[in-house]
Amino acid sequence: MELKEVLQVLEQLAPLSLAESWDNVGLLVEPSKPRPIKTVLLTNDLTDAVMEEAEVLSCDLIVSYHPPLFRPIKRLAQKDWKQRLAIRAVEAGMAVFSPHTSWDSMKGGVNDWLVGGLGSGQVSVLSQAHGGASHSHKLEFMVRSPEELNAVVEELKASDDGTALQCSDSSGIHVSLTCSASALTPSVQILLKHSAPCQSLSILKLEKAPLPGHGQGRLSVLDQPVTVATAIQKMKSHLGLANLRLALGAGRTLESSVCTAAVCAGSGASVLSSVQADLFITGEMSHHEVLDAVAKGTSVILSDHSNSERGFLAVFRERLAVRLPDAVTVVLSKADRDPLEVV
């Protein structure tokens, strides 16, 4: 199977348009010589240990949840560990792909998997994702005649701004034009040169349509409330961990009831901080962020960053494997692990 075909399947499962604007997702390393994809390795983080594993497997594509290349780089040198990994991938002819926050945001993704550890409930998105409409503004104006309309249209076409026109007849000719943010200024400049459009012009900013079920973080109103102690045991089992960190909310005990739980995989304070819930579940929060939550009476469970994400890889492996030919093997990394452990 060709790399571009596998990438199409990955995009179908989790559109990269769902990723946060600050993120660095998609194909990060592309081999110069195409080769058929026979082995795909899934990992939460691309580390030296995971790269060695990929080399032993003669891997063709590494899907690393966290992007190993995030900040802009000016050189590829051996002194930086992430640059070394990129060099090794290039030398071995391996492609590297990262989905990161597109997996967090998508319906049925990392956050839905994480909140499912507590059992069934009425789940809603905390930070709603929106569709990426290409046109962001709507311009409405009148022209007096078909001749004036044709003149305006010809000028807009000449500017090549990618605008879209709709016209309707009334006492004059009412025109509705949608355009991108980059096309707004040149479009307005053209319209202001014409008498009727100049006098009747109105500009509306278009809102992007929400994508139900997609977005960052989840809030669950549990069908069957549990105690804090039971929530801990459920999450240990769900995450496959022997230990979790707990901060009890002010006035709460291990026997306090949890009716609502808010989760955000990874480092979730920015998504969770304004949410009212009995329990927060995330990978990591700072000392003061935990204190803020506790003061509100919210208990906090922390698993360490990647432990709140890694278990989803097994779920995604099944989804990916059934969409690829039998000749393509999808493997879960055995070397991938959170760098922190309780000692």
Protein backbone atom coordinates (compact mmCIF):
# COMPACT_ATOMS: atom_id res chain seq x y z
CA MET A 1 0.00 0.00 0.00
CA GLU A 2 1.39 3.41 -0.91
CA LEU A 3 2.10 6.02 1.77
CA LYS A 4 -0.44 8.46 0.34
CA GLU A 5 -3.14 5.79 0.57
CA VAL A 6 -2.39 5.13 4.25
CA LEU A 7 -2.40 8.87 4.91
CA GLN A 8 -5.84 9.10 3.32
CA VAL A 9 -7.13 6.43 5.71
CA LEU A 10 -5.60 8.25 8.69
CA GLU A 11 -7.26 11.48 7.54
CA GLN A 12 -10.62 9.72 7.21
CA LEU A 13 -10.37 8.37 10.75
CA ALA A 14 -9.31 11.71 12.24
CA PRO A 15 -9.35 14.79 9.98
CA LEU A 16 -6.31 16.97 10.65
CA SER A 17 -8.60 20.00 10.43
CA LEU A 18 -9.75 19.07 13.95
CA ALA A 19 -6.28 19.80 15.38
CA GLU A 20 -5.60 22.99 17.33
CA SER A 21 -4.13 25.88 15.33
CA TRP A 22 -0.90 25.85 17.35
CA ASP A 23 -0.28 22.15 16.77
CA ASN A 24 2.10 20.52 14.29
CA VAL A 25 0.22 17.56 12.84
CA GLY A 26 0.29 15.46 9.70
CA LEU A 27 3.21 14.02 7.76
CA LEU A 28 6.38 15.28 9.45
CA VAL A 29 9.00 13.12 7.70
CA GLU A 30 8.55 11.94 4.11
CA PRO A 31 11.10 9.61 2.49
CA SER A 32 12.58 10.73 -0.82
CA LYS A 33 12.23 7.24 -2.28
CA PRO A 34 8.65 5.91 -2.07
CA ARG A 35 8.27 2.35 -0.82
CA PRO A 36 5.23 0.23 -0.06
CA ILE A 37 3.92 0.49 3.49
CA LYS A 38 4.04 -2.96 5.07
CA THR A 39 4.55 -2.16 8.77
CA VAL A 40 3.01 0.72 10.73
CA LEU A 41 4.19 1.36 14.30
CA LEU A 42 1.90 3.22 16.72
CA THR A 43 3.49 5.07 19.63
CA ASN A 44 2.58 7.85 22.02
CA ASP A 45 6.08 9.37 21.83
CA LEU A 46 8.92 8.83 19.40
CA THR A 47 11.98 8.25 21.59
CA ASP A 48 15.35 6.61 21.01
CA ALA A 49 13.97 3.34 22.36
CA VAL A 50 10.97 3.47 20.03
CA MET A 51 13.17 4.33 17.05
CA GLU A 52 15.37 1.31 17.79
CA GLU A 53 12.22 -0.81 17.91
CA ALA A 54 11.09 0.64 14.57
CA GLU A 55 14.47 -0.15 13.00
CA VAL A 56 14.35 -3.76 14.22
CA LEU A 57 10.84 -4.11 12.75
CA SER A 58 11.95 -2.52 9.45
CA CYS A 59 9.04 -0.16 9.97
CA ASP A 60 7.81 1.90 7.01
CA LEU A 61 5.60 4.37 8.86
CA ILE A 62 5.68 5.59 12.46
CA VAL A 63 2.46 7.15 13.77
CA SER A 64 3.56 9.14 16.80
CA TYR A 65 0.68 10.70 18.73
CA HIS A 66 2.93 13.53 19.97
CA PRO A 67 4.76 15.31 17.15
CA PRO A 68 8.50 14.63 17.48
CA LEU A 69 9.10 17.80 15.47
CA PHE A 70 7.16 20.68 16.95
CA ARG A 71 9.13 23.92 16.96
CA PRO A 72 10.77 25.27 13.78
CA ILE A 73 14.32 24.01 13.29
CA LYS A 74 17.16 25.60 11.31
CA ARG A 75 19.46 22.59 11.11
CA LEU A 76 19.54 18.84 11.54
CA ALA A 77 22.40 18.03 13.90
CA GLN A 78 23.34 15.17 16.20
CA LYS A 79 23.44 17.27 19.37
CA ASP A 80 19.64 17.52 19.65
CA TRP A 81 17.80 14.26 20.40
CA LYS A 82 14.72 15.07 18.32
CA GLN A 83 16.84 16.09 15.36
CA ARG A 84 18.78 12.83 15.69
CA LEU A 85 15.49 10.91 15.49
CA ALA A 86 14.47 12.80 12.35
CA ILE A 87 17.85 12.01 10.77
CA ARG A 88 17.50 8.32 11.63
CA ALA A 89 14.01 8.23 10.13
CA VAL A 90 15.26 9.84 6.91
CA GLU A 91 18.26 7.50 6.70
CA ALA A 92 16.03 4.44 7.23
CA GLY A 93 13.45 5.67 4.71
CA MET A 94 10.71 5.76 7.37
CA ALA A 95 7.80 8.17 7.22
CA VAL A 96 6.66 9.86 10.45
CA PHE A 97 3.09 11.06 10.98
CA SER A 98 1.56 12.79 14.00
CA PRO A 99 -2.18 13.28 14.70
CA HIS A 100 -1.95 14.77 18.23
CA THR A 101 -4.88 17.12 19.00
CA SER A 102 -6.93 15.87 16.04
CA TRP A 103 -7.22 12.59 17.99
CA ASP A 104 -8.11 14.54 21.15
CA SER A 105 -10.83 16.49 19.40
CA MET A 106 -12.49 13.85 17.26
CA LYS A 107 -15.70 12.14 18.31
CA GLY A 108 -14.73 8.73 19.66
CA GLY A 109 -11.15 9.90 20.14
CA VAL A 110 -8.76 10.12 23.09
CA ASN A 111 -11.02 12.19 25.36
CA ASP A 112 -14.10 10.07 24.74
CA TRP A 113 -12.00 7.00 25.48
CA LEU A 114 -10.65 8.62 28.68
CA VAL A 115 -14.02 9.65 30.09
CA GLY A 116 -15.40 6.19 29.28
CA GLY A 117 -13.25 4.78 32.05
CA LEU A 118 -15.81 5.98 34.60
CA GLY A 119 -18.72 4.24 32.91
CA SER A 120 -21.64 5.47 30.85
CA GLY A 121 -23.03 8.97 31.11
CA GLN A 122 -24.34 11.99 29.25
CA VAL A 123 -21.16 13.26 27.61
CA SER A 124 -20.66 16.74 26.20
CA VAL A 125 -17.71 18.58 24.70
CA LEU A 126 -16.00 21.24 26.83
CA SER A 127 -14.37 23.28 24.05
CA GLN A 128 -16.38 22.94 20.86
CA ALA A 129 -14.64 22.37 17.53
CA HIS A 130 -15.88 24.31 14.52
CA GLY A 131 -15.81 23.66 10.80
CA GLY A 132 -13.08 25.33 8.80
CA ALA A 133 -15.21 27.36 6.37
CA SER A 134 -13.08 29.00 3.67
CA HIS A 135 -15.25 32.15 3.58
CA SER A 136 -15.29 34.26 6.73
CA HIS A 137 -17.19 37.43 5.67
CA LYS A 138 -20.39 38.28 3.85
CA LEU A 139 -20.78 41.53 1.92
CA GLU A 140 -24.25 42.70 0.89
CA PHE A 141 -24.93 45.64 -1.43
CA MET A 142 -27.20 46.94 -4.20
CA VAL A 143 -26.49 47.72 -7.83
CA ARG A 144 -28.79 49.73 -10.08
CA SER A 145 -28.51 47.70 -13.26
CA PRO A 146 -27.22 44.48 -14.78
CA GLU A 147 -24.50 46.55 -16.44
CA GLU A 148 -23.22 47.81 -13.10
CA LEU A 149 -23.35 44.28 -11.70
CA ASN A 150 -21.31 42.97 -14.63
CA ALA A 151 -18.71 45.69 -14.10
CA VAL A 152 -18.37 44.82 -10.40
CA VAL A 153 -18.17 41.09 -11.13
CA GLU A 154 -15.47 41.59 -13.77
CA GLU A 155 -13.34 43.63 -11.37
CA LEU A 156 -13.74 41.04 -8.61
CA LYS A 157 -12.77 38.26 -11.02
CA ALA A 158 -9.72 40.24 -12.13
CA SER A 159 -8.57 40.55 -8.52
CA ASP A 160 -8.72 36.72 -8.26
CA ASP A 161 -9.83 36.79 -4.60
CA GLY A 162 -11.84 33.58 -4.63
CA THR A 163 -15.11 35.35 -3.80
CA ALA A 164 -18.54 33.76 -4.29
CA LEU A 165 -21.50 35.82 -5.60
CA GLN A 166 -25.26 35.39 -5.22
CA CYS A 167 -27.75 37.81 -6.75
CA SER A 168 -31.48 38.45 -6.32
CA ASP A 169 -33.81 40.97 -7.95
CA SER A 170 -35.82 43.53 -5.99
CA SER A 171 -36.26 47.26 -6.65
CA GLY A 172 -32.64 47.11 -7.70
CA ILE A 173 -30.36 44.09 -7.75
CA HIS A 174 -29.43 42.83 -4.31
CA VAL A 175 -26.03 41.15 -4.26
CA SER A 176 -24.60 38.90 -1.58
CA LEU A 177 -20.88 38.13 -1.72
CA THR A 178 -18.87 35.86 0.56
CA CYS A 179 -15.10 36.02 0.82
CA SER A 180 -12.13 34.94 2.89
CA ALA A 181 -10.46 37.24 5.41
CA SER A 182 -7.57 37.82 3.00
CA ALA A 183 -9.99 38.83 0.22
CA LEU A 184 -12.03 41.23 2.38
CA THR A 185 -9.97 44.40 1.94
CA PRO A 186 -9.45 44.16 -1.86
CA SER A 187 -13.13 43.28 -2.34
CA VAL A 188 -14.27 46.30 -0.31
CA GLN A 189 -11.86 48.57 -2.21
CA ILE A 190 -13.43 47.46 -5.49
CA LEU A 191 -16.99 48.00 -4.24
CA LEU A 192 -16.24 51.46 -2.88
CA LYS A 193 -15.33 52.62 -6.38
CA HIS A 194 -18.95 52.10 -7.49
CA SER A 195 -21.70 54.48 -6.42
CA ALA A 196 -24.56 52.13 -5.52
CA PRO A 197 -22.45 49.45 -3.76
CA CYS A 198 -20.58 52.16 -1.85
CA GLN A 199 -23.83 53.61 -0.45
CA SER A 200 -25.49 50.28 0.40
CA LEU A 201 -22.56 48.11 1.53
CA SER A 202 -22.88 46.10 4.74
CA ILE A 203 -20.32 43.61 6.06
CA LEU A 204 -21.13 40.60 8.23
CA LYS A 205 -18.64 38.30 9.91
CA LEU A 206 -19.61 34.66 9.42
CA GLU A 207 -19.36 32.19 12.30
CA LYS A 208 -17.91 28.77 11.67
CA ALA A 209 -20.45 26.00 12.15
CA PRO A 210 -19.96 23.83 15.27
CA LEU A 211 -19.04 20.19 14.73
CA PRO A 212 -21.22 18.22 17.19
CA GLY A 213 -19.26 15.71 19.24
CA HIS A 214 -15.87 17.14 18.27
CA GLY A 215 -13.67 19.37 20.41
CA GLN A 216 -11.31 19.41 23.37
CA GLY A 217 -12.20 17.86 26.74
CA ARG A 218 -15.34 16.06 27.85
CA LEU A 219 -17.87 16.43 30.67
CA SER A 220 -19.81 13.37 31.74
CA VAL A 221 -22.94 13.37 33.88
CA LEU A 222 -22.64 9.80 35.09
CA ASP A 223 -25.60 7.47 34.70
CA GLN A 224 -24.54 5.83 37.96
CA PRO A 225 -22.69 8.14 40.36
CA VAL A 226 -19.65 6.62 42.07
CA THR A 227 -17.53 7.49 45.08
CA VAL A 228 -14.13 9.11 44.66
CA ALA A 229 -12.56 5.83 45.81
CA THR A 230 -14.46 3.87 43.16
CA ALA A 231 -13.53 6.42 40.49
CA ILE A 232 -9.87 5.89 41.37
CA GLN A 233 -10.14 2.12 41.00
CA LYS A 234 -12.03 2.43 37.72
CA MET A 235 -9.40 4.75 36.25
CA LYS A 236 -6.52 2.56 37.44
CA SER A 237 -8.11 -0.35 35.63
CA HIS A 238 -8.91 1.71 32.53
CA LEU A 239 -5.41 3.18 32.26
CA GLY A 240 -3.60 0.02 33.30
CA LEU A 241 -1.82 1.78 36.18
CA ALA A 242 -1.02 0.69 39.70
CA ASN A 243 -0.88 4.25 41.00
CA LEU A 244 -2.59 7.58 40.44
CA ARG A 245 -2.19 10.94 42.16
CA LEU A 246 -5.22 12.34 43.97
CA ALA A 247 -6.12 15.73 45.39
CA LEU A 248 -9.40 15.73 47.31
CA GLY A 249 -11.60 18.76 46.82
CA ALA A 250 -12.25 20.98 49.83
CA GLY A 251 -14.73 19.24 52.14
CA ARG A 252 -14.57 16.00 50.14
CA THR A 253 -13.57 12.49 51.25
CA LEU A 254 -12.90 9.22 49.45
CA GLU A 255 -16.56 8.35 50.03
CA SER A 256 -17.87 11.58 48.50
CA SER A 257 -20.12 11.09 45.49
CA VAL A 258 -18.95 11.83 41.96
CA CYS A 259 -21.90 12.72 39.74
CA THR A 260 -20.04 14.81 37.18
CA ALA A 261 -16.51 14.33 35.84
CA ALA A 262 -14.54 16.52 33.44
CA VAL A 263 -11.57 15.06 31.57
CA CYS A 264 -8.87 16.31 29.25
CA ALA A 265 -6.05 14.07 28.09
CA GLY A 266 -2.49 15.30 28.53
CA SER A 267 -2.10 18.66 30.25
CA GLY A 268 -5.70 19.68 30.75
CA ALA A 269 -5.82 22.69 33.06
CA SER A 270 -6.50 25.24 30.32
CA VAL A 271 -9.60 23.28 29.25
CA LEU A 272 -10.80 22.25 32.72
CA SER A 273 -10.18 25.37 34.82
CA SER A 274 -13.57 27.04 34.26
CA VAL A 275 -15.62 23.82 34.44
CA GLN A 276 -17.87 22.94 37.37
CA ALA A 277 -17.54 19.23 38.15
CA ASP A 278 -17.08 16.90 41.09
CA LEU A 279 -13.92 15.43 39.58
CA PHE A 280 -11.20 16.42 37.12
CA ILE A 281 -9.19 13.72 35.34
CA THR A 282 -6.13 14.64 33.33
CA GLY A 283 -2.48 13.74 32.90
CA GLU A 284 -0.85 16.69 34.61
CA MET A 285 -1.64 20.03 36.24
CA SER A 286 0.64 22.50 37.96
CA HIS A 287 0.69 22.85 41.75
CA HIS A 288 -1.33 26.06 41.69
CA GLU A 289 -3.83 24.73 39.15
CA VAL A 290 -4.53 21.80 41.47
CA LEU A 291 -4.95 24.19 44.41
CA ASP A 292 -7.47 26.25 42.42
CA ALA A 293 -9.54 23.15 41.64
CA VAL A 294 -9.42 21.86 45.22
CA ALA A 295 -10.55 25.24 46.56
CA LYS A 296 -13.68 24.96 44.41
CA GLY A 297 -14.45 21.56 45.92
CA THR A 298 -13.34 19.64 42.84
CA SER A 299 -11.22 16.53 43.37
CA VAL A 300 -8.39 15.90 40.91
CA ILE A 301 -6.94 12.66 39.55
CA LEU A 302 -3.59 12.88 37.73
CA SER A 303 -2.07 9.97 35.82
CA ASP A 304 1.05 11.71 34.39
CA HIS A 305 0.84 13.17 30.92
CA SER A 306 1.13 10.32 28.43
CA ASN A 307 -0.59 7.77 30.68
CA SER A 308 -3.83 9.62 30.04
CA GLU A 309 -3.40 9.09 26.28
CA ARG A 310 -1.48 5.89 25.60
CA GLY A 311 -4.34 3.43 26.12
CA PHE A 312 -6.19 4.89 23.13
CA LEU A 313 -3.50 3.52 20.81
CA ALA A 314 -4.92 0.01 21.17
CA VAL A 315 -8.38 1.30 20.23
CA PHE A 316 -7.02 3.14 17.22
CA ARG A 317 -4.97 0.14 16.13
CA GLU A 318 -8.17 -1.88 15.65
CA ARG A 319 -9.84 0.91 13.70
CA LEU A 320 -6.82 1.34 11.44
CA ALA A 321 -6.11 -2.35 10.90
CA VAL A 322 -9.59 -3.13 9.55
CA ARG A 323 -9.22 -0.35 6.95
CA LEU A 324 -5.85 -1.51 5.64
CA PRO A 325 -5.06 -4.60 3.54
CA ASP A 326 -3.97 -7.78 5.29
CA ALA A 327 -0.49 -7.21 3.87
CA VAL A 328 -0.08 -4.17 6.15
CA THR A 329 0.72 -4.93 9.80
CA VAL A 330 -0.16 -2.38 12.47
CA VAL A 331 1.98 -2.76 15.59
CA LEU A 332 1.73 -1.17 19.05
CA SER A 333 5.09 -0.05 20.38
CA LYS A 334 6.40 -2.08 23.32
CA ALA A 335 9.16 0.42 24.05
CA ASP A 336 6.85 3.43 24.46
CA ARG A 337 6.22 4.46 28.07
CA ASP A 338 5.77 7.53 30.22
CA PRO A 339 9.16 8.85 31.38
CA LEU A 340 7.92 9.18 34.97
CA GLU A 341 7.32 6.32 37.36
CA VAL A 342 6.55 6.01 41.07
CA VAL A 343 9.55 4.63 43.03
